[in-house]
C-alpha atoms as a PDB file:
ATOM      1  CA  MET A   1      71.731 132.065 118.558  1.00  0.00           C
ATOM      2  CA  LEU A   2      69.267 129.446 119.771  1.00  0.00           C
ATOM      3  CA  GLN A   3      71.207 128.663 122.903  1.00  0.00           C
ATOM      4  CA  LEU A   4      71.417 131.523 125.367  1.00  0.00           C
ATOM      5  CA  THR A   5      74.588 131.624 127.381  1.00  0.00           C
ATOM      6  CA  PRO A   6      74.257 132.743 131.008  1.00  0.00           C
ATOM      7  CA  GLN A   7      74.453 136.523 131.262  1.00  0.00           C
ATOM      8  CA  ARG A   8      74.873 138.909 134.128  1.00  0.00           C
ATOM      9  CA  LYS A   9      71.817 140.933 135.120  1.00  0.00           C
ATOM     10  CA  PRO A  10      73.089 144.273 133.691  1.00  0.00           C
ATOM     11  CA  VAL A  11      73.714 142.629 130.313  1.00  0.00           C
ATOM     12  CA  ARG A  12      70.273 141.003 130.339  1.00  0.00           C
ATOM     13  CA  LEU A  13      68.716 144.323 131.300  1.00  0.00           C
ATOM     14  CA  ILE A  14      70.464 146.195 128.492  1.00  0.00           C
ATOM     15  CA  GLU A  15      69.412 143.620 125.908  1.00  0.00           C
ATOM     16  CA  THR A  16      65.832 143.577 127.181  1.00  0.00           C
ATOM     17  CA  VAL A  17      65.499 147.380 127.136  1.00  0.00           C
ATOM     18  CA  PHE A  18      67.075 147.504 123.674  1.00  0.00           C
ATOM     19  CA  ASP A  19      64.793 144.820 122.241  1.00  0.00           C
ATOM     20  CA  LEU A  20      61.627 146.378 123.679  1.00  0.00           C
ATOM     21  CA  THR A  21      62.672 149.843 122.482  1.00  0.00           C
ATOM     22  CA  TYR A  22      63.359 148.470 119.018  1.00  0.00           C
ATOM     23  CA  LEU A  23      60.012 146.664 118.825  1.00  0.00           C
ATOM     24  CA  GLY A  24      58.169 149.703 120.149  1.00  0.00           C
ATOM     25  CA  THR A  25      59.869 151.982 117.626  1.00  0.00           C
ATOM     26  CA  VAL A  26      59.044 149.748 114.668  1.00  0.00           C
ATOM     27  CA  LEU A  27      55.435 149.016 115.639  1.00  0.00           C
ATOM     28  CA  LEU A  28      54.677 152.621 116.610  1.00  0.00           C
ATOM     29  CA  SER A  29      56.200 153.739 113.316  1.00  0.00           C
ATOM     30  CA  ALA A  30      53.849 151.369 111.481  1.00  0.00           C
ATOM     31  CA  ALA A  31      50.848 153.000 113.131  1.00  0.00           C
ATOM     32  CA  LEU A  32      52.109 156.540 112.518  1.00  0.00           C
ATOM     33  CA  LEU A  33      52.968 155.820 108.878  1.00  0.00           C
ATOM     34  CA  TRP A  34      49.438 154.561 108.328  1.00  0.00           C
ATOM     35  CA  ALA A  35      47.865 157.543 110.077  1.00  0.00           C
ATOM     36  CA  GLY A  36      46.608 159.896 107.388  1.00  0.00           C
ATOM     37  CA  ALA A  37      48.188 157.894 104.570  1.00  0.00           C
ATOM     38  CA  GLU A  38      46.132 156.876 101.570  1.00  0.00           C
ATOM     39  CA  MET A  39      45.805 153.104 101.296  1.00  0.00           C
ATOM     40  CA  GLY A  40      48.243 151.766  98.715  1.00  0.00           C
ATOM     41  CA  SER A  41      50.494 154.845  98.805  1.00  0.00           C
ATOM     42  CA  GLU A  42      54.222 154.419  99.315  1.00  0.00           C
ATOM     43  CA  ARG A  43      53.945 155.713 102.875  1.00  0.00           C
ATOM     44  CA  TRP A  44      51.104 153.282 103.616  1.00  0.00           C
ATOM     45  CA  ARG A  45      53.173 150.399 102.212  1.00  0.00           C
ATOM     46  CA  PHE A  46      56.104 151.489 104.361  1.00  0.00           C
ATOM     47  CA  GLY A  47      53.747 151.147 107.311  1.00  0.00           C
ATOM     48  CA  LEU A  48      52.775 147.655 106.190  1.00  0.00           C
ATOM     49  CA  MET A  49      56.436 146.783 105.806  1.00  0.00           C
ATOM     50  CA  ALA A  50      57.127 148.072 109.333  1.00  0.00           C
ATOM     51  CA  LEU A  51      54.237 146.004 110.711  1.00  0.00           C
ATOM     52  CA  VAL A  52      55.531 142.825 109.057  1.00  0.00           C
ATOM     53  CA  LEU A  53      58.996 143.531 110.452  1.00  0.00           C
ATOM     54  CA  GLY A  54      57.716 144.303 113.954  1.00  0.00           C
ATOM     55  CA  VAL A  55      55.410 141.296 114.225  1.00  0.00           C
ATOM     56  CA  GLY A  56      58.048 138.878 112.949  1.00  0.00           C
ATOM     57  CA  ASP A  57      60.724 140.233 115.251  1.00  0.00           C
ATOM     58  CA  ALA A  58      58.312 140.207 118.195  1.00  0.00           C
ATOM     59  CA  ILE A  59      57.739 136.476 117.676  1.00  0.00           C
ATOM     60  CA  HIS A  60      61.523 136.097 117.801  1.00  0.00           C
ATOM     61  CA  LEU A  61      62.516 138.602 120.490  1.00  0.00           C
ATOM     62  CA  LEU A  62      59.768 138.250 123.099  1.00  0.00           C
ATOM     63  CA  PRO A  63      60.541 134.554 123.692  1.00  0.00           C
ATOM     64  CA  ARG A  64      64.209 135.496 123.843  1.00  0.00           C
ATOM     65  CA  ILE A  65      63.484 138.071 126.556  1.00  0.00           C
ATOM     66  CA  TYR A  66      61.447 135.487 128.433  1.00  0.00           C
ATOM     67  CA  ALA A  67      64.317 132.996 128.203  1.00  0.00           C
ATOM     68  CA  LEU A  68      66.801 135.581 129.457  1.00  0.00           C
ATOM     69  CA  TRP A  69      64.821 136.128 132.647  1.00  0.00           C
ATOM     70  CA  ASP A  70      63.485 132.620 133.255  1.00  0.00           C
ATOM     71  CA  LYS A  71      64.933 131.533 136.600  1.00  0.00           C
ATOM     72  CA  ARG A  72      63.875 127.904 136.176  1.00  0.00           C
ATOM     73  CA  ASN A  73      66.674 127.254 133.662  1.00  0.00           C
ATOM     74  CA  LYS A  74      64.312 125.518 131.251  1.00  0.00           C
ATOM     75  CA  ASP A  75      65.410 124.466 127.789  1.00  0.00           C
ATOM     76  CA  HIS A  76      64.055 127.166 125.458  1.00  0.00           C
ATOM     77  CA  THR A  77      65.589 125.757 122.266  1.00  0.00           C
ATOM     78  CA  ALA A  78      62.266 124.909 120.619  1.00  0.00           C
ATOM     79  CA  LEU A  79      60.625 128.220 121.533  1.00  0.00           C
ATOM     80  CA  LEU A  80      63.582 130.252 120.293  1.00  0.00           C
ATOM     81  CA  GLY A  81      63.814 128.160 117.144  1.00  0.00           C
ATOM     82  CA  ILE A  82      60.185 128.807 116.242  1.00  0.00           C
ATOM     83  CA  GLY A  83      60.738 132.522 116.753  1.00  0.00           C
ATOM     84  CA  LYS A  84      63.834 132.494 114.587  1.00  0.00           C
ATOM     85  CA  TRP A  85      61.948 130.594 111.876  1.00  0.00           C
ATOM     86  CA  ALA A  86      59.066 133.099 111.912  1.00  0.00           C
ATOM     87  CA  ALA A  87      61.455 136.056 111.704  1.00  0.00           C
ATOM     88  CA  SER A  88      63.245 134.429 108.765  1.00  0.00           C
ATOM     89  CA  ILE A  89      59.959 134.323 106.832  1.00  0.00           C
ATOM     90  CA  THR A  90      58.804 137.834 107.731  1.00  0.00           C
ATOM     91  CA  MET A  91      62.206 139.348 106.943  1.00  0.00           C
ATOM     92  CA  THR A  92      61.945 137.873 103.451  1.00  0.00           C
ATOM     93  CA  VAL A  93      58.510 139.440 103.002  1.00  0.00           C
ATOM     94  CA  PHE A  94      59.944 142.710 104.358  1.00  0.00           C
ATOM     95  CA  TYR A  95      62.502 142.858 101.545  1.00  0.00           C
ATOM     96  CA  VAL A  96      59.947 141.979  98.878  1.00  0.00           C
ATOM     97  CA  LEU A  97      57.755 144.875 100.068  1.00  0.00           C
ATOM     98  CA  LEU A  98      60.776 147.172 100.131  1.00  0.00           C
ATOM     99  CA  TRP A  99      61.699 146.117  96.593  1.00  0.00           C
ATOM    100  CA  ASN A 100      58.204 146.922  95.318  1.00  0.00           C
ATOM    101  CA  ILE A 101      58.311 150.349  96.972  1.00  0.00           C
ATOM    102  CA  GLY A 102      61.671 151.036  95.352  1.00  0.00           C
ATOM    103  CA  MET A 103      60.457 149.924  91.928  1.00  0.00           C
ATOM    104  CA  ASP A 104      57.556 152.375  92.129  1.00  0.00           C
ATOM    105  CA  HIS A 105      59.605 155.198  93.650  1.00  0.00           C
ATOM    106  CA  TYR A 106      62.374 154.844  91.050  1.00  0.00           C
ATOM    107  CA  ALA A 107      60.243 153.764  88.087  1.00  0.00           C
ATOM    108  CA  GLY A 108      62.399 152.934  85.092  1.00  0.00           C
ATOM    109  CA  VAL A 109      65.731 152.835  86.910  1.00  0.00           C
ATOM    110  CA  VAL A 110      65.864 149.033  86.995  1.00  0.00           C
ATOM    111  CA  ASP A 111      64.454 146.610  84.426  1.00  0.00           C
ATOM    112  CA  VAL A 112      61.049 145.415  85.622  1.00  0.00           C
ATOM    113  CA  GLN A 113      62.103 141.856  84.790  1.00  0.00           C
ATOM    114  CA  MET A 114      64.343 142.003  87.865  1.00  0.00           C
ATOM    115  CA  THR A 115      61.174 141.767  89.943  1.00  0.00           C
ATOM    116  CA  ALA A 116      60.776 138.167  88.769  1.00  0.00           C
ATOM    117  CA  VAL A 117      64.314 137.452  89.964  1.00  0.00           C
ATOM    118  CA  VAL A 118      63.570 139.035  93.360  1.00  0.00           C
ATOM    119  CA  TYR A 119      60.365 137.029  93.758  1.00  0.00           C
ATOM    120  CA  THR A 120      62.200 133.849  92.809  1.00  0.00           C
ATOM    121  CA  LEU A 121      64.905 134.485  95.394  1.00  0.00           C
ATOM    122  CA  ALA A 122      62.270 135.216  98.044  1.00  0.00           C
ATOM    123  CA  ALA A 123      60.301 132.074  97.205  1.00  0.00           C
ATOM    124  CA  LEU A 124      63.469 129.965  97.287  1.00  0.00           C
ATOM    125  CA  ARG A 125      64.413 131.434 100.653  1.00  0.00           C
ATOM    126  CA  ILE A 126      60.978 130.655 102.122  1.00  0.00           C
ATOM    127  CA  VAL A 127      60.960 127.113 100.740  1.00  0.00           C
ATOM    128  CA  LEU A 128      64.418 126.475 102.208  1.00  0.00           C
ATOM    129  CA  CYS A 129      63.262 127.832 105.570  1.00  0.00           C
ATOM    130  CA  LEU A 130      60.293 125.439 105.562  1.00  0.00           C
ATOM    131  CA  LEU A 131      62.325 122.290 104.998  1.00  0.00           C
ATOM    132  CA  PRO A 132      62.667 120.009 108.040  1.00  0.00           C
ATOM    133  CA  GLN A 133      66.420 119.663 107.498  1.00  0.00           C
ATOM    134  CA  ASN A 134      66.831 123.057 109.174  1.00  0.00           C
ATOM    135  CA  ARG A 135      65.910 121.466 112.529  1.00  0.00           C
ATOM    136  CA  TRP A 136      64.845 124.862 113.876  1.00  0.00           C
ATOM    137  CA  THR A 137      63.677 123.485 117.208  1.00  0.00           C
ATOM    138  CA  GLN A 138      66.690 121.293 117.936  1.00  0.00           C
ATOM    139  CA  LYS A 139      70.007 122.081 119.573  1.00  0.00           C
ATOM    140  CA  ASP A 140      72.046 120.544 116.763  1.00  0.00           C
ATOM    141  CA  ALA A 141      70.633 122.745 113.974  1.00  0.00           C
ATOM    142  CA  PRO A 142      73.081 122.280 111.070  1.00  0.00           C
ATOM    143  CA  LEU A 143      75.241 125.196 109.988  1.00  0.00           C
ATOM    144  CA  ASN A 144      75.209 124.107 106.336  1.00  0.00           C
ATOM    145  CA  TRP A 145      71.438 124.598 106.151  1.00  0.00           C
ATOM    146  CA  ALA A 146      71.748 128.021 107.769  1.00  0.00           C
ATOM    147  CA  ILE A 147      74.155 128.898 104.968  1.00  0.00           C
ATOM    148  CA  TRP A 148      71.977 127.455 102.195  1.00  0.00           C
ATOM    149  CA  ARG A 149      68.830 129.272 103.266  1.00  0.00           C
ATOM    150  CA  ASN A 150      70.682 132.567 103.616  1.00  0.00           C
ATOM    151  CA  ILE A 151      72.274 132.541 100.150  1.00  0.00           C
ATOM    152  CA  PRO A 152      69.054 133.627  98.359  1.00  0.00           C
ATOM    153  CA  PHE A 153      68.323 136.003 101.249  1.00  0.00           C
ATOM    154  CA  PHE A 154      71.731 137.638 100.841  1.00  0.00           C
ATOM    155  CA  LEU A 155      71.204 137.978  97.064  1.00  0.00           C
ATOM    156  CA  LEU A 156      67.743 139.430  97.712  1.00  0.00           C
ATOM    157  CA  GLY A 157      69.262 142.030 100.027  1.00  0.00           C
ATOM    158  CA  LEU A 158      71.938 142.911  97.479  1.00  0.00           C
ATOM    159  CA  ALA A 159      69.270 143.413  94.814  1.00  0.00           C
ATOM    160  CA  VAL A 160      67.311 145.766  97.091  1.00  0.00           C
ATOM    161  CA  ALA A 161      70.455 147.678  98.052  1.00  0.00           C
ATOM    162  CA  ALA A 162      71.458 148.010  94.375  1.00  0.00           C
ATOM    163  CA  LEU A 163      67.996 149.303  93.448  1.00  0.00           C
ATOM    164  CA  PHE A 164      67.997 152.016  96.121  1.00  0.00           C
ATOM    165  CA  ALA A 165      71.625 152.935  95.450  1.00  0.00           C
ATOM    166  CA  ALA A 166      70.987 153.365  91.705  1.00  0.00           C
ATOM    167  CA  GLY A 167      67.700 155.160  92.332  1.00  0.00           C
ATOM    168  CA  SER A 168      69.090 157.609  94.876  1.00  0.00           C
ATOM    169  CA  LEU A 169      71.951 158.524  92.547  1.00  0.00           C
ATOM    170  CA  THR A 170      69.762 159.095  89.486  1.00  0.00           C
ATOM    171  CA  ARG A 171      66.405 160.217  90.898  1.00  0.00           C
ATOM    172  CA  GLY A 172      67.146 161.256  94.479  1.00  0.00           C
ATOM    173  CA  GLY A 173      65.343 160.207  97.630  1.00  0.00           C
ATOM    174  CA  PHE A 174      66.341 157.630 100.262  1.00  0.00           C
ATOM    175  CA  PRO A 175      70.074 158.422  99.902  1.00  0.00           C
ATOM    176  CA  PHE A 176      71.099 156.203 102.829  1.00  0.00           C
ATOM    177  CA  LEU A 177      68.601 153.359 102.666  1.00  0.00           C
ATOM    178  CA  TRP A 178      70.901 151.137 100.645  1.00  0.00           C
ATOM    179  CA  VAL A 179      73.656 151.766 103.208  1.00  0.00           C
ATOM    180  CA  ALA A 180      71.336 150.577 105.996  1.00  0.00           C
ATOM    181  CA  VAL A 181      70.573 147.389 104.049  1.00  0.00           C
ATOM    182  CA  LEU A 182      74.264 146.648 103.557  1.00  0.00           C
ATOM    183  CA  VAL A 183      75.010 147.372 107.225  1.00  0.00           C
ATOM    184  CA  SER A 184      72.261 144.980 108.288  1.00  0.00           C
ATOM    185  CA  PHE A 185      73.741 142.172 106.201  1.00  0.00           C
ATOM    186  CA  ALA A 186      77.300 142.980 107.268  1.00  0.00           C
ATOM    187  CA  CYS A 187      76.142 142.413 110.852  1.00  0.00           C
ATOM    188  CA  TYR A 188      73.903 139.442 110.111  1.00  0.00           C
ATOM    189  CA  LEU A 189      76.275 137.210 108.121  1.00  0.00           C
ATOM    190  CA  PRO A 190      78.895 136.821 110.900  1.00  0.00           C
ATOM    191  CA  VAL A 191      76.086 135.800 113.247  1.00  0.00           C
ATOM    192  CA  VAL A 192      74.984 133.082 110.825  1.00  0.00           C
ATOM    193  CA  LEU A 193      78.519 131.787 110.351  1.00  0.00           C
ATOM    194  CA  PHE A 194      80.121 132.133 113.763  1.00  0.00           C
ATOM    195  CA  SER A 195      77.577 132.615 116.579  1.00  0.00           C
ATOM    196  CA  ALA A 196      77.374 128.872 117.313  1.00  0.00           C
ATOM    197  CA  ARG A 197      81.105 128.820 118.109  1.00  0.00           C
ATOM    198  CA  SER A 198      81.340 132.305 119.591  1.00  0.00           C
ATOM    199  CA  PRO A 199      78.080 133.522 121.173  1.00  0.00           C
ATOM    200  CA  GLN A 200      79.537 137.014 121.582  1.00  0.00           C
ATOM    201  CA  VAL A 201      79.170 137.453 117.817  1.00  0.00           C
ATOM    202  CA  GLY A 202      75.429 137.487 118.429  1.00  0.00           C
ATOM    203  CA  MET A 203      75.799 141.049 119.747  1.00  0.00           C
ATOM    204  CA  LEU A 204      75.991 142.122 116.098  1.00  0.00           C
ATOM    205  CA  MET A 205      72.233 141.642 116.026  1.00  0.00           C
ATOM    206  CA  LEU A 206      71.973 144.946 117.920  1.00  0.00           C
ATOM    207  CA  PRO A 207      73.401 147.164 115.141  1.00  0.00           C
ATOM    208  CA  LYS A 208      71.491 144.997 112.667  1.00  0.00           C
ATOM    209  CA  SER A 209      68.259 145.922 114.431  1.00  0.00           C
ATOM    210  CA  ILE A 210      69.256 149.597 114.447  1.00  0.00           C
ATOM    211  CA  ALA A 211      69.756 149.409 110.676  1.00  0.00           C
ATOM    212  CA  TYR A 212      66.261 147.963 110.223  1.00  0.00           C
ATOM    213  CA  ALA A 213      64.728 150.611 112.460  1.00  0.00           C
ATOM    214  CA  ALA A 214      66.529 153.261 110.378  1.00  0.00           C
ATOM    215  CA  ILE A 215      64.997 151.837 107.187  1.00  0.00           C
ATOM    216  CA  VAL A 216      61.518 152.061 108.710  1.00  0.00           C
ATOM    217  CA  LEU A 217      62.065 155.631 109.943  1.00  0.00           C
ATOM    218  CA  MET A 218      63.070 156.701 106.435  1.00  0.00           C
ATOM    219  CA  GLY A 219      59.463 156.088 105.435  1.00  0.00           C
ATOM    220  CA  PHE A 220      58.486 159.309 107.223  1.00  0.00           C
ATOM    221  CA  THR A 221      60.087 161.266 104.369  1.00  0.00           C
ATOM    222  CA  LEU A 222      57.208 160.126 102.123  1.00  0.00           C
ATOM    223  CA  SER A 223      53.896 161.894 101.651  1.00  0.00           C
ATOM    224  CA  GLY A 224      50.674 160.114 102.487  1.00  0.00           C
ATOM    225  CA  VAL A 225      49.309 160.137  98.927  1.00  0.00           C
END
């Protein structure tokens, strides 16, 4: 999704309004979740998670909005690549924070040793994202490296979804969070695999963003202590 194909003004307007609404929802939710919440509580950590998500996606989406409306037809590959790289890192941190919240909320449902596996997957994902072979800022970014760096990310997401699915069935709470995680990955994987050949696939990032916003909004079901 580094290269933006020319779009008609109504399409650009819809995407811009959607992206700004999404960012506003996530960042405002972070502030509201923190308001009145005790530091370190699950609600407070949901706010932190929302902030990490919002900041990372802002680094990715704001340059994209700028590129959509830039009338000088400049090459924005490097700018968009840096944004995509930053979002890849923050999304990994987002899932680690969500895992830790789930482990506390559903204490005893999953073996605590799984946390080491989750941290290993997250570290591997970040290391892979940092390698120069990704060529984030170049037009010919290789698909094989996009696949490699997303394998641990996909496994990390499955682990989080499994935790919240098992926890909601046995302890209750967050009954649909695991569904939102799976929906986000169901939308994200086709983008990774096929967006270079078919830019229209990139539209799946819209329901993906809705799924992430839904995860954040579920934090309002928590108390502030």
